[in-house]
Protein backbone atom coordinates (compact mmCIF):
# COMPACT_ATOMS: atom_id res chain seq x y z
CA MET A 1 7.92 0.88 -5.49
CA SER A 2 9.29 4.13 -4.06
CA PRO A 3 9.23 5.29 -0.66
CA PRO A 4 7.47 8.39 -0.32
CA THR A 5 10.41 10.14 0.76
CA ASP A 6 11.60 9.84 -2.74
CA GLY A 7 9.58 12.34 -4.43
CA VAL A 8 9.77 14.84 -1.70
CA GLY A 9 13.09 15.10 -1.85
CA LEU A 10 14.31 13.44 1.29
CA SER A 11 16.08 10.19 -0.01
CA CYS A 12 18.11 9.21 -3.02
CA HIS A 13 15.95 8.24 -6.03
CA LYS A 14 18.64 5.70 -6.71
CA CYS A 15 20.11 4.65 -3.50
CA GLY A 16 17.65 5.45 -1.06
CA LYS A 17 19.72 6.95 1.48
CA MET A 18 17.68 9.73 3.49
CA GLU A 19 18.38 12.48 5.60
CA MET A 20 17.18 10.93 9.20
CA LEU A 21 15.39 12.48 12.26
CA ASP A 22 16.58 13.93 15.06
CA PRO A 23 14.50 12.12 17.64
CA VAL A 24 15.51 14.82 20.41
CA ARG A 25 13.89 17.28 18.94
CA ASP A 26 10.55 15.83 18.25
CA GLY A 27 11.04 14.49 15.15
CA ARG A 28 12.65 17.26 13.25
CA ALA A 29 14.80 17.61 11.00
CA THR A 30 18.10 18.58 11.76
CA MET A 31 20.55 17.60 8.96
CA ALA A 32 21.10 18.37 5.39
CA ALA A 33 19.17 16.43 2.81
CA ALA A 34 21.22 13.67 1.88
CA ALA A 35 19.18 14.13 -1.53
CA HIS A 36 20.29 17.59 -2.13
CA LEU A 37 20.94 17.49 -5.59
CA VAL A 38 18.08 17.53 -8.39
CA CYS A 39 17.73 17.06 -12.16
CA GLY A 40 18.75 20.19 -14.04
CA GLY A 41 16.39 18.85 -16.75
CA CYS A 42 12.62 17.62 -14.75
CA ARG A 43 13.34 19.41 -11.35
CA ARG A 44 11.84 16.48 -10.22
CA VAL A 45 14.07 14.23 -9.18
CA TYR A 46 16.55 13.95 -6.25
CA TYR A 47 19.49 12.38 -5.80
CA CYS A 48 22.73 12.02 -3.00
CA SER A 49 25.31 12.32 -5.00
CA GLU A 50 26.67 12.66 -8.87
CA ALA A 51 27.47 9.52 -9.14
CA CYS A 52 23.93 8.34 -8.07
CA GLN A 53 22.58 10.89 -10.85
CA LYS A 54 24.88 9.43 -13.61
CA ALA A 55 24.21 5.68 -12.67
CA HIS A 56 20.11 6.43 -13.12
CA TRP A 57 20.09 8.22 -16.07
CA ASN A 58 20.02 5.94 -18.86
CA ARG A 59 16.73 4.86 -17.24
CA HIS A 60 15.47 8.34 -16.46
CA LYS A 61 16.36 10.18 -19.40
CA ALA A 62 13.44 9.26 -21.94
CA LEU A 63 11.05 10.71 -19.02
CA CYS A 64 13.21 13.55 -18.63
CA LYS A 65 13.18 14.97 -21.85
CA VAL A 66 9.43 14.61 -22.68
CA LEU A 67 8.41 16.43 -19.01
CA ARG A 68 11.12 19.76 -20.43
CA LYS A 69 9.20 19.27 -23.60
CA ILE A 70 5.56 19.39 -21.84
CA GLU A 71 7.21 22.66 -19.88
CA LYS A 72 8.47 24.27 -22.70
CA ASP A 73 5.62 23.51 -24.73
CA PHE A 74 3.90 27.63 -24.17
CA GLU A 75 0.16 25.76 -25.10
CA THR A 76 0.24 22.58 -23.08
CA ALA A 77 1.71 24.13 -20.23
CA ASP A 78 -0.69 27.07 -20.22
CA ASP A 79 -3.51 24.56 -20.92
CA LEU A 80 -2.48 22.63 -17.79
CA ALA A 81 -2.29 25.81 -15.77
CA LYS A 82 -5.66 26.94 -16.28
CA ALA A 83 -6.98 24.25 -14.09
CA PHE A 84 -5.38 25.98 -11.01
CA ASP A 85 -6.93 29.56 -11.65
CA ARG A 86 -9.24 29.59 -9.20
CA PRO A 87 -8.80 31.63 -5.47
CA VAL A 88 -8.35 29.54 -2.52
CA PRO A 89 -11.08 29.84 0.04
CA THR A 90 -10.16 30.12 3.98
CA THR A 91 -11.42 26.26 4.56
CA ILE A 92 -10.59 23.97 2.64
CA ASP A 93 -12.27 21.07 0.92
CA PRO A 94 -9.48 18.07 0.67
CA VAL A 95 -11.89 16.48 -1.69
CA ILE A 96 -12.12 19.18 -3.53
CA ILE A 97 -8.06 19.91 -4.09
CA ASN A 98 -7.83 16.47 -4.86
CA LYS A 99 -9.77 16.20 -7.31
CA ILE A 100 -7.88 19.15 -9.05
CA SER A 101 -4.81 17.43 -8.10
CA VAL A 102 -5.82 13.78 -9.44
CA SER A 103 -7.49 15.74 -12.61
CA HIS A 104 -3.55 17.39 -13.15
CA HIS A 105 -1.60 14.20 -13.06
CA GLN A 106 -3.85 12.49 -14.76
CA ARG A 107 -3.75 14.70 -17.59
CA LEU A 108 0.46 14.75 -17.08
CA MET A 109 0.78 10.95 -17.22
CA ASN A 110 -1.78 11.02 -20.38
CA LEU A 111 0.95 14.16 -22.13
CA CYS A 112 3.98 11.50 -20.70
CA GLU A 113 3.01 8.57 -22.58
CA ALA A 114 2.11 10.30 -25.33
CA GLY A 115 5.19 11.61 -26.03
CA LEU A 116 6.86 7.94 -25.28
CA GLY A 117 5.06 6.35 -27.32
CA ARG A 118 3.84 3.72 -24.42
CA GLU A 119 3.19 3.62 -20.93
CA LEU A 120 4.34 4.72 -17.86
CA ASN A 121 6.66 2.30 -16.15
CA ASP A 122 6.63 1.95 -12.15
CA ASP A 123 9.70 4.46 -11.85
CA GLU A 124 8.20 6.84 -14.32
CA CYS A 125 4.74 6.80 -12.44
CA THR A 126 6.60 7.72 -8.85
CA ILE A 127 8.17 10.90 -10.92
CA VAL A 128 5.30 12.38 -12.37
CA ALA A 129 2.56 11.44 -9.49
CA CYS A 130 4.79 11.62 -6.16
CA GLU A 131 6.39 14.89 -6.55
CA PRO A 132 5.43 18.05 -4.14
CA LYS A 133 1.85 19.86 -4.42
CA CYS A 134 0.54 22.85 -2.39
CA LEU A 135 -1.92 21.79 0.36
CA ALA A 136 -4.00 24.74 -0.54
CA CYS A 137 -4.33 24.68 -3.87
CA ALA A 138 -2.80 21.90 -5.26
CA ARG A 139 -0.34 23.64 -7.49
CA THR A 140 2.97 21.43 -7.98
CA GLY A 141 6.84 23.42 -9.35
CA LEU A 142 5.38 22.86 -12.83
CA ILE A 143 2.37 25.18 -12.79
CA LEU A 144 4.50 27.82 -10.71
CA ARG A 145 7.46 27.42 -12.96
CA VAL A 146 4.64 27.82 -15.49
CA GLU A 147 2.55 30.78 -13.71
CA ALA A 148 5.80 32.80 -13.10
CA ARG A 149 6.54 32.55 -17.05
CA ASN A 150 3.22 34.08 -17.88
CA SER A 151 3.56 37.00 -15.74
CA GLY A 152 7.00 38.28 -17.32
CA PRO A 153 10.32 37.57 -18.36
CA ASN A 154 11.26 39.48 -14.71
CA ALA A 155 8.44 37.71 -12.82
CA ARG A 156 10.30 35.51 -10.02
CA VAL A 157 9.26 31.81 -9.51
CA THR A 158 7.38 30.65 -6.23
CA ALA A 159 9.21 27.95 -4.53
CA LEU A 160 7.46 25.15 -2.47
CA LYS A 161 8.40 25.40 0.83
CA PRO A 162 8.24 21.66 3.36
CA CYS A 163 6.29 21.57 6.47
CA PRO A 164 8.82 21.86 9.21
CA GLU A 165 7.63 19.17 11.04
CA CYS A 166 7.35 16.50 8.74
CA LYS A 167 8.71 18.17 5.57
CA MET A 168 6.55 16.48 3.45
CA ALA A 169 3.53 18.41 3.13
CA PHE A 170 4.27 21.95 1.05
CA TYR A 171 2.65 25.31 0.71
CA CYS A 172 3.31 28.02 -2.07
CA SER A 173 2.67 31.06 0.17
CA ASP A 174 2.25 31.43 3.79
CA ALA A 175 -1.48 32.69 3.09
CA HIS A 176 -1.74 29.26 1.47
CA TRP A 177 -0.17 27.87 5.20
CA ASP A 178 -2.15 29.58 7.36
CA ALA A 179 -5.33 28.18 5.28
CA ALA A 180 -4.44 24.40 5.06
CA ARG A 181 -2.18 23.95 8.75
CA ALA A 182 -4.55 23.36 10.45
CA LEU A 183 -6.15 20.21 8.41
CA HIS A 184 -2.59 19.18 8.20
CA ILE A 185 -2.24 19.17 11.57
CA THR A 186 -5.59 17.34 12.99
CA PRO A 187 -6.59 13.97 13.22
CA CYS A 188 -7.16 12.59 9.41
CA ALA A 189 -10.13 10.34 8.31
CA ASP A 190 -8.60 7.86 6.92
CA LEU A 191 -6.20 7.63 9.39
CA PRO A 192 -6.58 5.11 12.86
CA GLU A 193 -6.14 6.55 16.39
CA GLY A 194 -6.46 10.37 15.61
CA VAL A 195 -3.35 10.70 13.89
CA SER A 196 -2.78 13.56 11.51
CA GLN A 197 -1.38 13.88 8.11
CA CYS A 198 1.70 15.88 9.58
CA GLU A 199 1.98 12.45 12.40
CA MET A 200 1.34 10.23 9.95
CA ASN A 201 3.99 11.62 7.55
CA ILE A 202 6.54 11.26 10.37
CA GLN A 203 6.13 8.09 10.62
CA LEU A 204 6.89 7.34 6.85
CA ARG A 205 9.82 8.81 7.83
CA ARG A 206 10.75 6.32 10.18
CA ASN A 207 9.51 3.54 8.30
CA ALA A 208 11.96 4.28 5.80
CA GLU A 209 14.75 4.80 8.09
CA PHE A 210 14.10 1.43 9.62
CA GLN A 211 14.11 -0.26 6.29
CA GLY A 212 17.52 1.50 5.85
CA VAL A 213 18.87 -0.27 8.81
CA MET A 214 16.66 -3.57 9.03
CA THR A 215 16.95 -4.71 5.21
CA ALA A 216 14.43 -7.84 4.13
CA PRO A 217 16.64 -10.77 4.37
CA ARG A 218 17.51 -9.18 7.66
CA LEU A 219 13.98 -8.71 9.13
CA ARG A 220 12.92 -12.60 7.70
CA ALA A 221 15.67 -13.61 10.03
CA SER A 222 14.71 -11.89 13.20
CA MET A 223 10.96 -12.66 12.53
CA TRP A 224 10.57 -15.54 14.38
CA GLN A 225 11.74 -13.25 17.10
CA PHE A 226 9.13 -11.31 17.48
CA MET A 227 6.35 -13.87 16.50
CA PRO A 228 7.29 -17.05 18.83
CA ARG A 229 5.94 -20.16 19.08
CA GLU A 230 2.39 -20.03 20.70
CA GLU A 231 1.58 -23.07 22.57
CA VAL A 232 -2.20 -22.94 22.31
CA TRP A 233 -4.34 -20.35 20.46
CA ILE A 234 -5.47 -16.92 21.36
CA ALA A 235 -8.29 -15.25 20.04
CA LEU A 236 -7.43 -12.22 18.22
CA GLN A 237 -10.63 -10.82 19.09
CA GLY A 238 -9.83 -7.39 21.34
CA GLN A 239 -5.99 -7.40 20.72
CA THR A 240 -3.92 -5.10 18.05
CA TRP A 241 -0.90 -5.28 16.21
CA GLU A 242 0.94 -3.88 19.41
CA ASP A 243 -0.16 -6.92 21.44
CA ILE A 244 1.04 -9.64 18.97
CA LEU A 245 4.03 -8.02 18.25
CA ARG A 246 5.63 -6.14 21.27
CA ARG A 247 5.20 -9.45 23.33
CA GLY A 248 8.00 -10.66 21.09
CA MET A 249 9.77 -7.34 20.74
CA ASP A 250 10.27 -7.00 24.51
CA ASN A 251 11.97 -10.57 25.06
CA SER A 252 13.70 -10.58 22.15
CA PRO A 253 17.65 -9.53 21.28
CA VAL A 254 16.80 -7.83 18.52
CA GLY A 255 13.93 -6.00 20.31
CA SER A 256 16.80 -4.36 22.78
CA ILE A 257 18.83 -3.62 20.49
CA LEU A 258 16.14 -1.42 18.05
CA GLY A 259 15.27 0.16 21.22
CA PRO A 260 12.32 2.98 21.61
CA ILE A 261 12.90 4.97 18.35
CA PHE A 262 12.75 1.45 15.62
CA THR A 263 10.08 -0.46 17.60
CA PRO A 264 7.55 1.14 16.17
CA PRO A 265 8.34 0.99 12.49
CA CYS A 266 9.35 -2.44 13.08
CA VAL A 267 6.06 -2.72 14.57
CA ARG A 268 4.38 -1.18 11.28
CA THR A 269 7.00 -3.32 8.69
CA VAL A 270 6.11 -6.09 10.16
CA SER A 271 2.45 -5.64 10.46
CA SER A 272 2.85 -4.91 6.38
CA LEU A 273 3.80 -8.21 5.74
CA ALA A 274 1.56 -10.22 7.89
CA THR A 275 -1.47 -8.16 7.14
CA THR A 276 -2.56 -11.20 4.92
CA VAL A 277 -2.21 -13.77 7.48
CA MET A 278 -3.72 -12.12 10.13
CA THR A 279 -6.67 -11.18 8.25
CA ALA A 280 -7.34 -14.86 7.20
CA LEU A 281 -6.96 -15.82 11.38
CA TYR A 282 -9.18 -12.80 12.06
CA ALA A 283 -11.81 -14.12 9.79
CA LEU A 284 -11.11 -18.08 10.73
CA GLU A 285 -12.22 -16.82 14.07
CA GLN A 286 -15.17 -14.81 12.99
CA LEU A 287 -16.40 -17.65 10.81
CA ASN A 288 -15.86 -20.83 12.47
CA PRO A 289 -18.58 -21.43 15.76
CA ASP A 290 -15.97 -22.52 18.35
CA THR A 291 -11.82 -23.39 18.18
CA ALA A 292 -11.80 -26.82 16.54
CA TRP A 293 -10.06 -25.28 13.19
CA THR A 294 -6.82 -24.22 15.69
CA SER A 295 -6.25 -27.92 16.07
CA LYS A 296 -6.28 -29.31 12.37
CA SER A 297 -2.46 -29.95 10.70
CA THR A 298 -3.45 -28.40 7.38
CA ILE A 299 -5.32 -24.65 6.72
CA THR A 300 -6.40 -24.50 3.12
CA ILE A 301 -6.87 -20.82 2.07
CA HIS A 302 -7.84 -19.58 -1.23
CA ILE A 303 -6.99 -15.99 -2.49
CA LEU A 304 -8.78 -15.20 -5.39
CA GLY A 305 -8.77 -11.48 -7.28
CA ALA A 306 -5.58 -9.65 -6.86
CA LEU A 307 -2.39 -10.78 -5.45
CA PRO A 308 -2.36 -9.29 -1.73
CA ASP A 309 1.23 -8.40 -0.54
CA PHE A 310 2.70 -11.77 -0.41
CA SER A 311 5.49 -13.38 -2.13
CA PRO A 312 6.91 -16.97 -1.88
CA ASP A 313 9.60 -15.11 -0.14
CA ILE A 314 7.79 -14.43 2.99
CA ALA A 315 5.53 -17.38 2.96
CA PHE A 316 7.09 -18.19 6.54
CA MET A 317 4.69 -15.42 7.89
CA TYR A 318 2.34 -17.84 7.20
CA GLU A 319 4.07 -20.69 9.36
CA ALA A 320 5.03 -18.28 12.04
CA ILE A 321 0.95 -17.03 13.68
CA LEU A 322 -0.18 -20.18 13.58
CA HIS A 323 2.78 -22.74 13.55
CA ARG A 324 0.71 -25.09 10.80
CA LEU A 325 0.71 -25.71 7.50
CA PRO A 326 -1.50 -24.31 5.57
CA HIS A 327 -1.97 -24.87 1.49
CA ILE A 328 -2.58 -21.69 0.00
CA ILE A 329 -4.47 -21.43 -3.51
CA PHE A 330 -3.94 -18.30 -5.51
CA CYS A 331 -6.47 -18.08 -7.95
CA SER A 332 -7.69 -15.82 -10.64
CA PRO A 333 -6.35 -14.82 -14.24
CA ALA A 334 -4.44 -11.67 -13.00
CA VAL A 335 -1.85 -13.73 -11.32
CA ALA A 336 -0.43 -14.44 -14.04
CA THR A 337 0.62 -10.96 -13.84
CA PHE A 338 2.16 -11.22 -11.07
CA VAL A 339 3.55 -15.09 -10.99
CA PRO A 340 5.34 -15.47 -14.66
CA LEU A 341 4.28 -18.39 -15.83
CA PRO A 342 4.83 -20.28 -19.37
CA ALA A 343 2.05 -20.07 -21.90
CA TRP A 344 1.04 -23.42 -21.86
CA VAL A 345 1.18 -23.91 -17.79
CA ASN A 346 -1.59 -22.77 -15.67
CA LYS A 347 -0.80 -23.53 -12.48
CA LEU A 348 2.60 -23.71 -10.29
CA VAL A 349 3.22 -25.19 -6.98
CA ARG A 350 5.96 -23.63 -4.41
CA GLU A 351 7.23 -25.45 -1.51
CA HIS A 352 8.82 -23.43 2.09
CA GLU A 353 10.14 -25.65 4.45
CA PRO A 354 9.06 -24.84 7.59
CA CYS A 355 11.14 -23.77 10.40
CA SER A 356 13.11 -26.43 12.54
CA SER A 357 10.41 -27.17 15.42
CA CYS A 358 7.44 -27.30 12.91
CA SER A 359 9.94 -29.45 10.65
CA SER A 360 11.08 -31.82 13.93
CA LEU A 361 6.83 -31.93 14.61
CA HIS A 362 5.50 -32.38 10.74
CA ALA A 363 8.25 -33.59 8.24
CA ARG A 364 6.51 -30.68 6.04
CA THR A 365 6.36 -28.06 4.10
CA ILE A 366 3.99 -25.32 3.39
CA THR A 367 2.98 -25.62 -0.04
CA HIS A 368 1.52 -22.84 -2.32
CA GLN A 369 -0.18 -23.40 -5.39
CA HIS A 370 -0.72 -20.77 -8.07
CA VAL A 371 -3.92 -20.75 -10.30
CA THR A 372 -4.37 -18.37 -13.81
CA LYS A 373 -8.11 -19.09 -13.83
CA TYR A 374 -11.09 -18.02 -12.67
CA TYR A 375 -12.29 -19.44 -9.30
CA ASP A 376 -15.59 -21.50 -11.27
CA ASP A 377 -13.15 -22.91 -13.44
CA TYR A 378 -10.66 -24.03 -11.52
CA ILE A 379 -13.22 -25.79 -9.74
CA ARG A 380 -14.63 -27.86 -12.72
CA GLY A 381 -10.69 -28.91 -13.45
CA GLU A 382 -10.36 -30.02 -10.21
CA GLY A 383 -13.20 -32.66 -10.58
CA ALA A 384 -14.00 -34.71 -7.90
CA SER A 385 -10.74 -34.24 -6.10
CA PHE A 386 -11.77 -31.01 -5.23
CA GLU A 387 -11.88 -29.89 -1.46
CA PRO A 388 -13.59 -27.02 -0.40
CA PRO A 389 -10.85 -24.27 1.47
CA ASP A 390 -11.17 -23.42 5.46
CA LEU A 391 -11.38 -20.00 3.77
CA ALA A 392 -11.40 -17.70 0.58
CA ILE A 393 -10.19 -14.60 0.35
CA VAL A 394 -11.64 -11.59 -2.44
CA THR A 395 -8.88 -9.07 -2.41
CA ASN A 396 -9.69 -5.72 -3.15
CA PRO A 397 -12.41 -6.80 -6.29
CA PHE A 398 -14.17 -3.69 -7.36
CA LEU A 399 -16.53 -6.12 -7.95
CA ALA A 400 -19.43 -3.71 -9.22
CA ALA A 401 -16.92 -1.68 -11.41
CA SER A 402 -15.12 -4.70 -13.21
CA ASP A 403 -16.02 -7.88 -14.51
CA GLN A 404 -19.48 -8.45 -13.29
CA THR A 405 -20.21 -11.56 -15.24
CA GLY A 406 -16.55 -13.32 -14.12
CA TRP A 407 -17.59 -11.96 -10.33
CA ARG A 408 -20.74 -12.89 -10.55
CA ARG A 409 -19.69 -16.86 -11.18
CA VAL A 410 -17.41 -16.57 -8.54
CA ILE A 411 -19.71 -15.27 -5.77
CA LYS A 412 -22.21 -17.97 -7.03
CA THR A 413 -19.22 -20.65 -6.64
CA LEU A 414 -18.65 -19.89 -3.12
CA THR A 415 -22.09 -20.01 -1.99
CA THR A 416 -23.17 -23.29 -4.10
CA TYR A 417 -19.62 -24.95 -2.04
CA HIS A 418 -20.69 -22.98 1.20
CA ILE A 419 -17.40 -22.35 1.40
CA PRO A 420 -16.33 -19.26 4.19
CA SER A 421 -15.51 -16.26 2.29
CA ILE A 422 -14.33 -12.88 3.05
CA PHE A 423 -13.96 -10.39 0.45
CA THR A 424 -11.50 -6.71 1.53
CA ALA A 425 -11.19 -3.62 0.22
CA SER A 426 -8.28 -1.05 0.16
CA LEU A 427 -8.96 1.67 2.50
CA LEU A 428 -9.64 5.15 1.13
CA ALA A 429 -12.47 7.11 2.25
CA TYR A 430 -13.02 8.41 -1.48
CA GLU A 431 -13.83 4.27 -2.37
CA GLN A 432 -16.73 3.99 0.61
CA ARG A 433 -18.98 4.35 -2.42
CA ALA A 434 -17.37 1.89 -4.33
CA ALA A 435 -17.47 -0.85 -1.51
CA GLU A 436 -21.37 -0.03 -1.00
CA GLN A 437 -21.48 -0.74 -4.66
CA ASP A 438 -19.75 -3.81 -4.19
CA MET A 439 -21.74 -4.98 -1.33
CA THR A 440 -25.08 -4.42 -3.08
CA PHE A 441 -23.52 -6.39 -5.87
CA ILE A 442 -22.43 -9.58 -3.42
CA ARG A 443 -26.16 -9.36 -1.70
CA GLU A 444 -28.00 -9.28 -5.27
CA ASN A 445 -25.67 -12.83 -6.65
CA CYS A 446 -25.08 -14.71 -2.82
CA GLY A 447 -28.35 -15.85 -2.36
CA SER A 448 -29.48 -16.72 1.29
CA VAL A 449 -26.16 -16.32 3.19
CA GLU A 450 -25.19 -15.62 6.80
CA PHE A 451 -23.09 -12.21 6.82
CA ILE A 452 -21.19 -11.99 9.38
CA PRO A 453 -21.20 -8.50 11.45
CA SER A 454 -17.71 -7.78 12.41
CA LEU A 455 -17.19 -9.12 8.54
CA THR A 456 -18.83 -6.70 7.01
CA MET A 457 -18.79 -2.95 6.05
CA VAL A 458 -16.28 -2.17 8.82
CA LYS A 459 -12.59 -1.45 8.98
CA ASN A 460 -10.26 -4.59 9.00
CA PRO A 461 -8.98 -4.16 12.86
CA TRP A 462 -5.63 -6.32 10.84
CA ALA A 463 -4.91 -4.13 8.26
CA SER A 464 -1.49 -3.12 7.64
CA LEU A 465 -0.29 -0.42 9.95
CA VAL A 466 2.15 0.91 7.13
CA MET A 467 -0.35 3.20 5.55
CA HIS A 468 0.83 4.71 1.93
CA PRO A 469 0.10 8.37 0.90
CA ASN A 470 -2.74 8.83 -2.24
CA SER A 471 0.57 9.71 -4.87
CA GLN A 472 -1.88 11.62 -6.90
CA SER A 473 -3.91 13.58 -4.10
CA VAL A 474 -2.57 16.21 -1.92
CA TYR A 475 -4.54 14.46 1.27
CA GLY A 476 -5.55 10.93 2.05
CA PHE A 477 -3.38 7.64 3.04
CA HIS A 478 -4.57 4.26 2.23
CA SER A 479 -3.85 0.61 2.93
CA PRO A 480 -4.37 -2.37 0.72
CA ASN A 481 -6.55 -4.72 2.74
CA GLY A 482 -7.62 -1.41 5.32
CA GLY A 483 -11.35 -2.12 4.74
CA LEU A 484 -13.74 -5.43 5.05
CA THR A 485 -17.02 -5.37 2.10
CA ALA A 486 -18.48 -8.54 3.55
CA GLY A 487 -17.87 -12.03 5.18
CA PHE A 488 -20.28 -14.84 4.85
CA ARG A 489 -20.50 -18.58 5.70
């Protein structure tokens, strides 16, 4: 996935080079934008140099031609612009603005896919969905150009202007900036600790800068210093990411090198890698009556549904927190999408060597097993050898809106085998109703289980601190497992 700075011209679409923030001036950008070249065809892809633009052209040209064709087609373009023919109220309603924006981008994506004769790939989805939008009316550069064209040959095209602070939010006129500014700089309902959209945008830029300095391989190599071995289990209840990570950073050479500018984005980035395991450990803490589970030599966790932000390359995260040797089983037909397997194979086992300390203590490896079956089918296939796990995590299921028959079987299987379980959900304000529907669905199919209040219909205290903008919307952010729908035993 491209960084959010990509779609608004703050970083090069090809190489990622970006404009750096000046910490001396309260986070304001003072350098010329690194991505100063814009594609002359679609006018929505930015580059730092002609070399990067040429290198990306073969991948971009098909979509570029389709976008140009859509804009030049008067009937199609006018039809898109009609959705924006409404006055802007003095008080902005984010729900209404988001509906306008999402509807526009879904229509535009449908037009692009029809023109291409195929689905958009990830790069193309980013280009279409992440373009700048006015905070007050959701107009994009395309809509403003169409409206100017319809106003006459001498009409001046209105350009979107960026917020002077974050440069990642836009307005099409001073009147619209006056109408939307207060909402942009006041606390956002989707964000923790009273952070505003403007402040979160600045955090996103800092994250992108940090990832340019600390590449993924370097971050993995430094992780042990940030998450040192604990001699005894320290309860997670009441702690935060900062409590866990800053303690290691303050005592590590890498932490001193990062300095005050990059320490916060480092904490956020590490949280995005460790969120699945910390959520699992928090659930184990809440679901178990005592700490006996922390003394086990093997922790078995079954992850069902959509694969979380996890790959074998960061398998060490499961070892870094507890320094045990967990046996992680990903079990879902969807796993085949993320872990390519031959058609005749429905199970894949991968091993990961632990750190030298764990190797000397246990002389074992971390095993990750990927299974492309529904959970009840997997258990039947295991037969008498099946052992209930310590925890099952059902990730972002949208139970009530998807395969109800399949999920009904999964829930009944979890309760039949008395498997401690949690259901996570993406933290999106407009998905609260979906989470409530899922909770109703779970209650209807789980029998008489004990729901744990700290794990049921609450925000996840160990969600990733890296919030993602809702790309097709003007307002809102989400975290992949930001909410906990249900937890029971």
